[in-house]
Amino acid sequence: MWTVLAIMIVGTAVGFAIRKKPNLAKLNDKLTLWAIYLLLFMLGLTIGANDTIINNLTKLGLSALLIALGGIAGSVAMAWAGYQLWFNKKG
């Protein structure tokens, strides 16, 4: 837990330091996107290599779909609420 917290603090400090440098901010955006792609690829590899998941995919399918849709709906709802609360400057 401390490692994760330390990484977040260092990342916040670096982000604060580069916020006025548009080239570094763009590079950071691209690196973040590719890091997410890599994590999703690694997750797919892990799932594909797991015989238990592959053998029970038909049983897990509907549950997994519902959990994924719930997660997506919750993320969209919270992102919208956060935008309305902190970034929407109407009136």
PDB file of N, CA and C in Angstrom:
ATOM      1  N   MET A   1       0.818  -1.188   0.000  1.00  0.00           N
ATOM      2  CA  MET A   1       0.000   0.000   0.000  1.00  0.00           C
ATOM      3  C   MET A   1       0.867   1.259   0.000  1.00  0.00           C
ATOM      4  N   TRP A   2       1.936   1.245   0.763  1.00  0.00           N
ATOM      5  CA  TRP A   2       2.801   2.419   0.832  1.00  0.00           C
ATOM      6  C   TRP A   2       3.477   2.693  -0.501  1.00  0.00           C
ATOM      7  N   THR A   3       3.789   1.630  -1.231  1.00  0.00           N
ATOM      8  CA  THR A   3       4.410   1.808  -2.546  1.00  0.00           C
ATOM      9  C   THR A   3       3.455   2.535  -3.486  1.00  0.00           C
ATOM     10  N   VAL A   4       2.204   2.107  -3.495  1.00  0.00           N
ATOM     11  CA  VAL A   4       1.200   2.736  -4.359  1.00  0.00           C
ATOM     12  C   VAL A   4       1.016   4.200  -3.969  1.00  0.00           C
ATOM     13  N   LEU A   5       0.928   4.460  -2.687  1.00  0.00           N
ATOM     14  CA  LEU A   5       0.761   5.832  -2.214  1.00  0.00           C
ATOM     15  C   LEU A   5       1.965   6.696  -2.586  1.00  0.00           C
ATOM     16  N   ALA A   6       3.163   6.159  -2.425  1.00  0.00           N
ATOM     17  CA  ALA A   6       4.378   6.902  -2.780  1.00  0.00           C
ATOM     18  C   ALA A   6       4.424   7.201  -4.274  1.00  0.00           C
ATOM     19  N   ILE A   7       4.048   6.223  -5.098  1.00  0.00           N
ATOM     20  CA  ILE A   7       4.033   6.437  -6.547  1.00  0.00           C
ATOM     21  C   ILE A   7       3.024   7.526  -6.918  1.00  0.00           C
ATOM     22  N   MET A   8       1.861   7.517  -6.275  1.00  0.00           N
ATOM     23  CA  MET A   8       0.856   8.556  -6.545  1.00  0.00           C
ATOM     24  C   MET A   8       1.370   9.938  -6.154  1.00  0.00           C
ATOM     25  N   ILE A   9       2.043  10.030  -5.018  1.00  0.00           N
ATOM     26  CA  ILE A   9       2.563  11.324  -4.563  1.00  0.00           C
ATOM     27  C   ILE A   9       3.643  11.832  -5.513  1.00  0.00           C
ATOM     28  N   VAL A  10       4.553  10.956  -5.913  1.00  0.00           N
ATOM     29  CA  VAL A  10       5.605  11.351  -6.856  1.00  0.00           C
ATOM     30  C   VAL A  10       4.983  11.750  -8.197  1.00  0.00           C
ATOM     31  N   GLY A  11       4.008  10.976  -8.665  1.00  0.00           N
ATOM     32  CA  GLY A  11       3.335  11.308  -9.921  1.00  0.00           C
ATOM     33  C   GLY A  11       2.633  12.652  -9.858  1.00  0.00           C
ATOM     34  N   THR A  12       2.002  12.939  -8.735  1.00  0.00           N
ATOM     35  CA  THR A  12       1.339  14.231  -8.563  1.00  0.00           C
ATOM     36  C   THR A  12       2.354  15.368  -8.594  1.00  0.00           C
ATOM     37  N   ALA A  13       3.483  15.175  -7.937  1.00  0.00           N
ATOM     38  CA  ALA A  13       4.528  16.205  -7.925  1.00  0.00           C
ATOM     39  C   ALA A  13       5.090  16.438  -9.329  1.00  0.00           C
ATOM     40  N   VAL A  14       5.336  15.358 -10.057  1.00  0.00           N
ATOM     41  CA  VAL A  14       5.853  15.497 -11.426  1.00  0.00           C
ATOM     42  C   VAL A  14       4.804  16.160 -12.316  1.00  0.00           C
ATOM     43  N   GLY A  15       3.555  15.751 -12.185  1.00  0.00           N
ATOM     44  CA  GLY A  15       2.483  16.375 -12.957  1.00  0.00           C
ATOM     45  C   GLY A  15       2.359  17.861 -12.669  1.00  0.00           C
ATOM     46  N   PHE A  16       2.496  18.221 -11.406  1.00  0.00           N
ATOM     47  CA  PHE A  16       2.456  19.636 -11.025  1.00  0.00           C
ATOM     48  C   PHE A  16       3.619  20.392 -11.659  1.00  0.00           C
ATOM     49  N   ALA A  17       4.781  19.752 -11.708  1.00  0.00           N
ATOM     50  CA  ALA A  17       5.975  20.397 -12.264  1.00  0.00           C
ATOM     51  C   ALA A  17       5.885  20.591 -13.777  1.00  0.00           C
ATOM     52  N   ILE A  18       5.216  19.679 -14.486  1.00  0.00           N
ATOM     53  CA  ILE A  18       5.172  19.774 -15.956  1.00  0.00           C
ATOM     54  C   ILE A  18       3.885  20.390 -16.480  1.00  0.00           C
ATOM     55  N   ARG A  19       3.017  20.841 -15.614  1.00  0.00           N
ATOM     56  CA  ARG A  19       1.707  21.328 -16.067  1.00  0.00           C
ATOM     57  C   ARG A  19       1.796  22.522 -17.004  1.00  0.00           C
ATOM     58  N   LYS A  20       2.845  23.298 -16.934  1.00  0.00           N
ATOM     59  CA  LYS A  20       2.995  24.482 -17.792  1.00  0.00           C
ATOM     60  C   LYS A  20       3.839  24.194 -19.030  1.00  0.00           C
ATOM     61  N   LYS A  21       4.188  22.936 -19.240  1.00  0.00           N
ATOM     62  CA  LYS A  21       4.995  22.544 -20.403  1.00  0.00           C
ATOM     63  C   LYS A  21       4.127  21.674 -21.314  1.00  0.00           C
ATOM     64  N   PRO A  22       3.511  22.274 -22.344  1.00  0.00           N
ATOM     65  CA  PRO A  22       2.547  21.535 -23.161  1.00  0.00           C
ATOM     66  C   PRO A  22       3.134  20.312 -23.862  1.00  0.00           C
ATOM     67  N   ASN A  23       4.392  20.380 -24.277  1.00  0.00           N
ATOM     68  CA  ASN A  23       4.985  19.225 -24.960  1.00  0.00           C
ATOM     69  C   ASN A  23       5.095  18.025 -24.025  1.00  0.00           C
ATOM     70  N   LEU A  24       5.505  18.271 -22.790  1.00  0.00           N
ATOM     71  CA  LEU A  24       5.605  17.178 -21.821  1.00  0.00           C
ATOM     72  C   LEU A  24       4.224  16.662 -21.426  1.00  0.00           C
ATOM     73  N   ALA A  25       3.258  17.559 -21.341  1.00  0.00           N
ATOM     74  CA  ALA A  25       1.896  17.138 -21.012  1.00  0.00           C
ATOM     75  C   ALA A  25       1.327  16.248 -22.119  1.00  0.00           C
ATOM     76  N   LYS A  26       1.592  16.600 -23.388  1.00  0.00           N
ATOM     77  CA  LYS A  26       1.129  15.765 -24.510  1.00  0.00           C
ATOM     78  C   LYS A  26       1.804  14.405 -24.484  1.00  0.00           C
ATOM     79  N   LEU A  27       3.109  14.400 -24.212  1.00  0.00           N
ATOM     80  CA  LEU A  27       3.840  13.139 -24.112  1.00  0.00           C
ATOM     81  C   LEU A  27       3.274  12.287 -22.983  1.00  0.00           C
ATOM     82  N   ASN A  28       2.972  12.916 -21.868  1.00  0.00           N
ATOM     83  CA  ASN A  28       2.383  12.199 -20.743  1.00  0.00           C
ATOM     84  C   ASN A  28       1.040  11.581 -21.124  1.00  0.00           C
ATOM     85  N   ASP A  29       0.223  12.321 -21.861  1.00  0.00           N
ATOM     86  CA  ASP A  29      -1.067  11.788 -22.310  1.00  0.00           C
ATOM     87  C   ASP A  29      -0.876  10.548 -23.177  1.00  0.00           C
ATOM     88  N   LYS A  30       0.076  10.614 -24.106  1.00  0.00           N
ATOM     89  CA  LYS A  30       0.330   9.468 -24.990  1.00  0.00           C
ATOM     90  C   LYS A  30       0.874   8.278 -24.210  1.00  0.00           C
ATOM     91  N   LEU A  31       1.800   8.539 -23.300  1.00  0.00           N
ATOM     92  CA  LEU A  31       2.361   7.447 -22.496  1.00  0.00           C
ATOM     93  C   LEU A  31       1.290   6.800 -21.617  1.00  0.00           C
ATOM     94  N   THR A  32       0.408   7.612 -21.074  1.00  0.00           N
ATOM     95  CA  THR A  32      -0.680   7.082 -20.251  1.00  0.00           C
ATOM     96  C   THR A  32      -1.589   6.182 -21.081  1.00  0.00           C
ATOM     97  N   LEU A  33      -1.940   6.634 -22.271  1.00  0.00           N
ATOM     98  CA  LEU A  33      -2.799   5.846 -23.147  1.00  0.00           C
ATOM     99  C   LEU A  33      -2.151   4.509 -23.493  1.00  0.00           C
ATOM    100  N   TRP A  34      -0.860   4.526 -23.847  1.00  0.00           N
ATOM    101  CA  TRP A  34      -0.172   3.283 -24.199  1.00  0.00           C
ATOM    102  C   TRP A  34       0.015   2.376 -22.988  1.00  0.00           C
ATOM    103  N   ALA A  35       0.166   2.954 -21.803  1.00  0.00           N
ATOM    104  CA  ALA A  35       0.252   2.138 -20.588  1.00  0.00           C
ATOM    105  C   ALA A  35      -1.073   1.421 -20.342  1.00  0.00           C
ATOM    106  N   ILE A  36      -2.184   2.105 -20.598  1.00  0.00           N
ATOM    107  CA  ILE A  36      -3.502   1.476 -20.448  1.00  0.00           C
ATOM    108  C   ILE A  36      -3.672   0.360 -21.470  1.00  0.00           C
ATOM    109  N   TYR A  37      -3.254   0.601 -22.715  1.00  0.00           N
ATOM    110  CA  TYR A  37      -3.319  -0.452 -23.733  1.00  0.00           C
ATOM    111  C   TYR A  37      -2.513  -1.672 -23.303  1.00  0.00           C
ATOM    112  N   LEU A  38      -1.323  -1.440 -22.774  1.00  0.00           N
ATOM    113  CA  LEU A  38      -0.474  -2.543 -22.332  1.00  0.00           C
ATOM    114  C   LEU A  38      -1.117  -3.312 -21.183  1.00  0.00           C
ATOM    115  N   LEU A  39      -1.698  -2.601 -20.233  1.00  0.00           N
ATOM    116  CA  LEU A  39      -2.368  -3.270 -19.113  1.00  0.00           C
ATOM    117  C   LEU A  39      -3.560  -4.101 -19.591  1.00  0.00           C
ATOM    118  N   LEU A  40      -4.337  -3.564 -20.533  1.00  0.00           N
ATOM    119  CA  LEU A  40      -5.470  -4.323 -21.069  1.00  0.00           C
ATOM    120  C   LEU A  40      -4.995  -5.563 -21.823  1.00  0.00           C
ATOM    121  N   PHE A  41      -3.908  -5.429 -22.575  1.00  0.00           N
ATOM    122  CA  PHE A  41      -3.336  -6.572 -23.284  1.00  0.00           C
ATOM    123  C   PHE A  41      -2.878  -7.640 -22.295  1.00  0.00           C
ATOM    124  N   MET A  42      -2.199  -7.218 -21.241  1.00  0.00           N
ATOM    125  CA  MET A  42      -1.722  -8.166 -20.231  1.00  0.00           C
ATOM    126  C   MET A  42      -2.896  -8.842 -19.517  1.00  0.00           C
ATOM    127  N   LEU A  43      -3.965  -8.098 -19.273  1.00  0.00           N
ATOM    128  CA  LEU A  43      -5.161  -8.685 -18.677  1.00  0.00           C
ATOM    129  C   LEU A  43      -5.752  -9.737 -19.602  1.00  0.00           C
ATOM    130  N   GLY A  44      -5.808  -9.437 -20.893  1.00  0.00           N
ATOM    131  CA  GLY A  44      -6.293 -10.412 -21.870  1.00  0.00           C
ATOM    132  C   GLY A  44      -5.431 -11.658 -21.910  1.00  0.00           C
ATOM    133  N   LEU A  45      -4.112 -11.483 -21.843  1.00  0.00           N
ATOM    134  CA  LEU A  45      -3.209 -12.642 -21.800  1.00  0.00           C
ATOM    135  C   LEU A  45      -3.477 -13.506 -20.573  1.00  0.00           C
ATOM    136  N   THR A  46      -3.650 -12.865 -19.445  1.00  0.00           N
ATOM    137  CA  THR A  46      -3.897 -13.593 -18.201  1.00  0.00           C
ATOM    138  C   THR A  46      -5.210 -14.364 -18.270  1.00  0.00           C
ATOM    139  N   ILE A  47      -6.239 -13.734 -18.787  1.00  0.00           N
ATOM    140  CA  ILE A  47      -7.533 -14.412 -18.912  1.00  0.00           C
ATOM    141  C   ILE A  47      -7.437 -15.554 -19.907  1.00  0.00           C
ATOM    142  N   GLY A  48      -6.803 -15.315 -21.040  1.00  0.00           N
ATOM    143  CA  GLY A  48      -6.666 -16.352 -22.060  1.00  0.00           C
ATOM    144  C   GLY A  48      -5.855 -17.544 -21.595  1.00  0.00           C
ATOM    145  N   ALA A  49      -4.910 -17.333 -20.699  1.00  0.00           N
ATOM    146  CA  ALA A  49      -4.062 -18.416 -20.203  1.00  0.00           C
ATOM    147  C   ALA A  49      -4.680 -19.154 -19.022  1.00  0.00           C
ATOM    148  N   ASN A  50      -5.773 -18.651 -18.483  1.00  0.00           N
ATOM    149  CA  ASN A  50      -6.403 -19.263 -17.318  1.00  0.00           C
ATOM    150  C   ASN A  50      -7.444 -20.285 -17.778  1.00  0.00           C
ATOM    151  N   ASP A  51      -7.122 -21.570 -17.612  1.00  0.00           N
ATOM    152  CA  ASP A  51      -8.026 -22.639 -18.058  1.00  0.00           C
ATOM    153  C   ASP A  51      -9.370 -22.597 -17.346  1.00  0.00           C
ATOM    154  N   THR A  52      -9.386 -22.243 -16.082  1.00  0.00           N
ATOM    155  CA  THR A  52     -10.639 -22.194 -15.329  1.00  0.00           C
ATOM    156  C   THR A  52     -11.594 -21.177 -15.932  1.00  0.00           C
ATOM    157  N   ILE A  53     -11.090 -20.015 -16.250  1.00  0.00           N
ATOM    158  CA  ILE A  53     -11.944 -18.980 -16.841  1.00  0.00           C
ATOM    159  C   ILE A  53     -12.416 -19.407 -18.224  1.00  0.00           C
ATOM    160  N   ILE A  54     -11.512 -19.909 -19.039  1.00  0.00           N
ATOM    161  CA  ILE A  54     -11.870 -20.311 -20.402  1.00  0.00           C
ATOM    162  C   ILE A  54     -12.894 -21.441 -20.380  1.00  0.00           C
ATOM    163  N   ASN A  55     -12.716 -22.427 -19.504  1.00  0.00           N
ATOM    164  CA  ASN A  55     -13.642 -23.558 -19.436  1.00  0.00           C
ATOM    165  C   ASN A  55     -15.011 -23.163 -18.898  1.00  0.00           C
ATOM    166  N   ASN A  56     -15.093 -22.114 -18.113  1.00  0.00           N
ATOM    167  CA  ASN A  56     -16.368 -21.686 -17.529  1.00  0.00           C
ATOM    168  C   ASN A  56     -16.888 -20.396 -18.153  1.00  0.00           C
ATOM    169  N   LEU A  57     -16.401 -20.072 -19.326  1.00  0.00           N
ATOM    170  CA  LEU A  57     -16.777 -18.815 -19.965  1.00  0.00           C
ATOM    171  C   LEU A  57     -18.282 -18.720 -20.219  1.00  0.00           C
ATOM    172  N   THR A  58     -18.904 -19.827 -20.592  1.00  0.00           N
ATOM    173  CA  THR A  58     -20.349 -19.776 -20.844  1.00  0.00           C
ATOM    174  C   THR A  58     -21.120 -19.512 -19.557  1.00  0.00           C
ATOM    175  N   LYS A  59     -20.652 -20.044 -18.440  1.00  0.00           N
ATOM    176  CA  LYS A  59     -21.314 -19.808 -17.155  1.00  0.00           C
ATOM    177  C   LYS A  59     -21.051 -18.391 -16.653  1.00  0.00           C
ATOM    178  N   LEU A  60     -19.853 -17.911 -16.903  1.00  0.00           N
ATOM    179  CA  LEU A  60     -19.466 -16.592 -16.407  1.00  0.00           C
ATOM    180  C   LEU A  60     -19.931 -15.465 -17.318  1.00  0.00           C
ATOM    181  N   GLY A  61     -20.301 -15.782 -18.534  1.00  0.00           N
ATOM    182  CA  GLY A  61     -20.596 -14.768 -19.539  1.00  0.00           C
ATOM    183  C   GLY A  61     -21.613 -13.728 -19.124  1.00  0.00           C
ATOM    184  N   LEU A  62     -22.808 -14.153 -18.710  1.00  0.00           N
ATOM    185  CA  LEU A  62     -23.863 -13.202 -18.366  1.00  0.00           C
ATOM    186  C   LEU A  62     -23.490 -12.406 -17.125  1.00  0.00           C
ATOM    187  N   SER A  63     -22.967 -13.089 -16.123  1.00  0.00           N
ATOM    188  CA  SER A  63     -22.558 -12.380 -14.901  1.00  0.00           C
ATOM    189  C   SER A  63     -21.478 -11.353 -15.209  1.00  0.00           C
ATOM    190  N   ALA A  64     -20.493 -11.751 -15.995  1.00  0.00           N
ATOM    191  CA  ALA A  64     -19.408 -10.833 -16.348  1.00  0.00           C
ATOM    192  C   ALA A  64     -19.938  -9.639 -17.132  1.00  0.00           C
ATOM    193  N   LEU A  65     -20.867  -9.890 -18.046  1.00  0.00           N
ATOM    194  CA  LEU A  65     -21.451  -8.804 -18.827  1.00  0.00           C
ATOM    195  C   LEU A  65     -22.195  -7.822 -17.927  1.00  0.00           C
ATOM    196  N   LEU A  66     -22.986  -8.345 -16.996  1.00  0.00           N
ATOM    197  CA  LEU A  66     -23.738  -7.476 -16.092  1.00  0.00           C
ATOM    198  C   LEU A  66     -22.813  -6.673 -15.182  1.00  0.00           C
ATOM    199  N   ILE A  67     -21.765  -7.305 -14.686  1.00  0.00           N
ATOM    200  CA  ILE A  67     -20.803  -6.595 -13.841  1.00  0.00           C
ATOM    201  C   ILE A  67     -20.100  -5.505 -14.647  1.00  0.00           C
ATOM    202  N   ALA A  68     -19.700  -5.824 -15.872  1.00  0.00           N
ATOM    203  CA  ALA A  68     -19.027  -4.837 -16.720  1.00  0.00           C
ATOM    204  C   ALA A  68     -19.956  -3.664 -17.031  1.00  0.00           C
ATOM    205  N   LEU A  69     -21.199  -3.959 -17.384  1.00  0.00           N
ATOM    206  CA  LEU A  69     -22.152  -2.887 -17.684  1.00  0.00           C
ATOM    207  C   LEU A  69     -22.428  -2.028 -16.454  1.00  0.00           C
ATOM    208  N   GLY A  70     -22.514  -2.666 -15.291  1.00  0.00           N
ATOM    209  CA  GLY A  70     -22.696  -1.912 -14.048  1.00  0.00           C
ATOM    210  C   GLY A  70     -21.514  -1.002 -13.765  1.00  0.00           C
ATOM    211  N   GLY A  71     -20.321  -1.516 -13.992  1.00  0.00           N
ATOM    212  CA  GLY A  71     -19.117  -0.707 -13.793  1.00  0.00           C
ATOM    213  C   GLY A  71     -19.059   0.470 -14.748  1.00  0.00           C
ATOM    214  N   ILE A  72     -19.423   0.219 -15.999  1.00  0.00           N
ATOM    215  CA  ILE A  72     -19.432   1.293 -16.995  1.00  0.00           C
ATOM    216  C   ILE A  72     -20.478   2.343 -16.629  1.00  0.00           C
ATOM    217  N   ALA A  73     -21.673   1.891 -16.270  1.00  0.00           N
ATOM    218  CA  ALA A  73     -22.740   2.829 -15.914  1.00  0.00           C
ATOM    219  C   ALA A  73     -22.353   3.661 -14.693  1.00  0.00           C
ATOM    220  N   GLY A  74     -21.768   3.021 -13.699  1.00  0.00           N
ATOM    221  CA  GLY A  74     -21.333   3.748 -12.507  1.00  0.00           C
ATOM    222  C   GLY A  74     -20.241   4.755 -12.824  1.00  0.00           C
ATOM    223  N   SER A  75     -19.301   4.370 -13.673  1.00  0.00           N
ATOM    224  CA  SER A  75     -18.214   5.275 -14.053  1.00  0.00           C
ATOM    225  C   SER A  75     -18.746   6.484 -14.812  1.00  0.00           C
ATOM    226  N   VAL A  76     -19.659   6.242 -15.745  1.00  0.00           N
ATOM    227  CA  VAL A  76     -20.242   7.343 -16.515  1.00  0.00           C
ATOM    228  C   VAL A  76     -21.034   8.269 -15.594  1.00  0.00           C
ATOM    229  N   ALA A  77     -21.817   7.693 -14.687  1.00  0.00           N
ATOM    230  CA  ALA A  77     -22.620   8.506 -13.771  1.00  0.00           C
ATOM    231  C   ALA A  77     -21.735   9.360 -12.866  1.00  0.00           C
ATOM    232  N   MET A  78     -20.685   8.780 -12.327  1.00  0.00           N
ATOM    233  CA  MET A  78     -19.800   9.534 -11.437  1.00  0.00           C
ATOM    234  C   MET A  78     -18.987  10.582 -12.206  1.00  0.00           C
ATOM    235  N   ALA A  79     -18.578  10.258 -13.432  1.00  0.00           N
ATOM    236  CA  ALA A  79     -17.859  11.244 -14.247  1.00  0.00           C
ATOM    237  C   ALA A  79     -18.769  12.427 -14.563  1.00  0.00           C
ATOM    238  N   TRP A  80     -20.022  12.147 -14.902  1.00  0.00           N
ATOM    239  CA  TRP A  80     -20.980  13.217 -15.182  1.00  0.00           C
ATOM    240  C   TRP A  80     -21.211  14.061 -13.933  1.00  0.00           C
ATOM    241  N   ALA A  81     -21.400  13.399 -12.786  1.00  0.00           N
ATOM    242  CA  ALA A  81     -21.631  14.129 -11.536  1.00  0.00           C
ATOM    243  C   ALA A  81     -20.413  14.985 -11.177  1.00  0.00           C
ATOM    244  N   GLY A  82     -19.228  14.439 -11.337  1.00  0.00           N
ATOM    245  CA  GLY A  82     -18.014  15.201 -11.057  1.00  0.00           C
ATOM    246  C   GLY A  82     -17.868  16.395 -11.979  1.00  0.00           C
ATOM    247  N   TYR A  83     -18.185  16.192 -13.247  1.00  0.00           N
ATOM    248  CA  TYR A  83     -18.118  17.295 -14.207  1.00  0.00           C
ATOM    249  C   TYR A  83     -19.105  18.391 -13.808  1.00  0.00           C
ATOM    250  N   GLN A  84     -20.330  18.000 -13.488  1.00  0.00           N
ATOM    251  CA  GLN A  84     -21.346  18.978 -13.105  1.00  0.00           C
ATOM    252  C   GLN A  84     -20.940  19.735 -11.842  1.00  0.00           C
ATOM    253  N   LEU A  85     -20.327  19.032 -10.911  1.00  0.00           N
ATOM    254  CA  LEU A  85     -19.965  19.635  -9.631  1.00  0.00           C
ATOM    255  C   LEU A  85     -18.753  20.552  -9.734  1.00  0.00           C
ATOM    256  N   TRP A  86     -17.717  20.130 -10.461  1.00  0.00           N
ATOM    257  CA  TRP A  86     -16.455  20.855 -10.422  1.00  0.00           C
ATOM    258  C   TRP A  86     -16.107  21.637 -11.685  1.00  0.00           C
ATOM    259  N   PHE A  87     -16.627  21.235 -12.836  1.00  0.00           N
ATOM    260  CA  PHE A  87     -16.171  21.856 -14.082  1.00  0.00           C
ATOM    261  C   PHE A  87     -17.247  22.620 -14.841  1.00  0.00           C
ATOM    262  N   ASN A  88     -18.503  22.374 -14.582  1.00  0.00           N
ATOM    263  CA  ASN A  88     -19.575  23.048 -15.297  1.00  0.00           C
ATOM    264  C   ASN A  88     -19.767  24.436 -14.691  1.00  0.00           C
ATOM    265  N   LYS A  89     -19.443  25.466 -15.449  1.00  0.00           N
ATOM    266  CA  LYS A  89     -19.454  26.843 -14.930  1.00  0.00           C
ATOM    267  C   LYS A  89     -20.675  27.630 -15.404  1.00  0.00           C
ATOM    268  N   LYS A  90     -21.825  26.989 -15.520  1.00  0.00           N
ATOM    269  CA  LYS A  90     -23.039  27.705 -15.931  1.00  0.00           C
ATOM    270  C   LYS A  90     -23.528  28.567 -14.766  1.00  0.00           C
ATOM    271  N   GLY A  91     -23.699  29.853 -15.066  1.00  0.00           N
ATOM    272  CA  GLY A  91     -24.255  30.777 -14.078  1.00  0.00           C
ATOM    273  C   GLY A  91     -23.392  30.924 -12.928  1.00  0.00           C
TER     274      GLY A  91
END
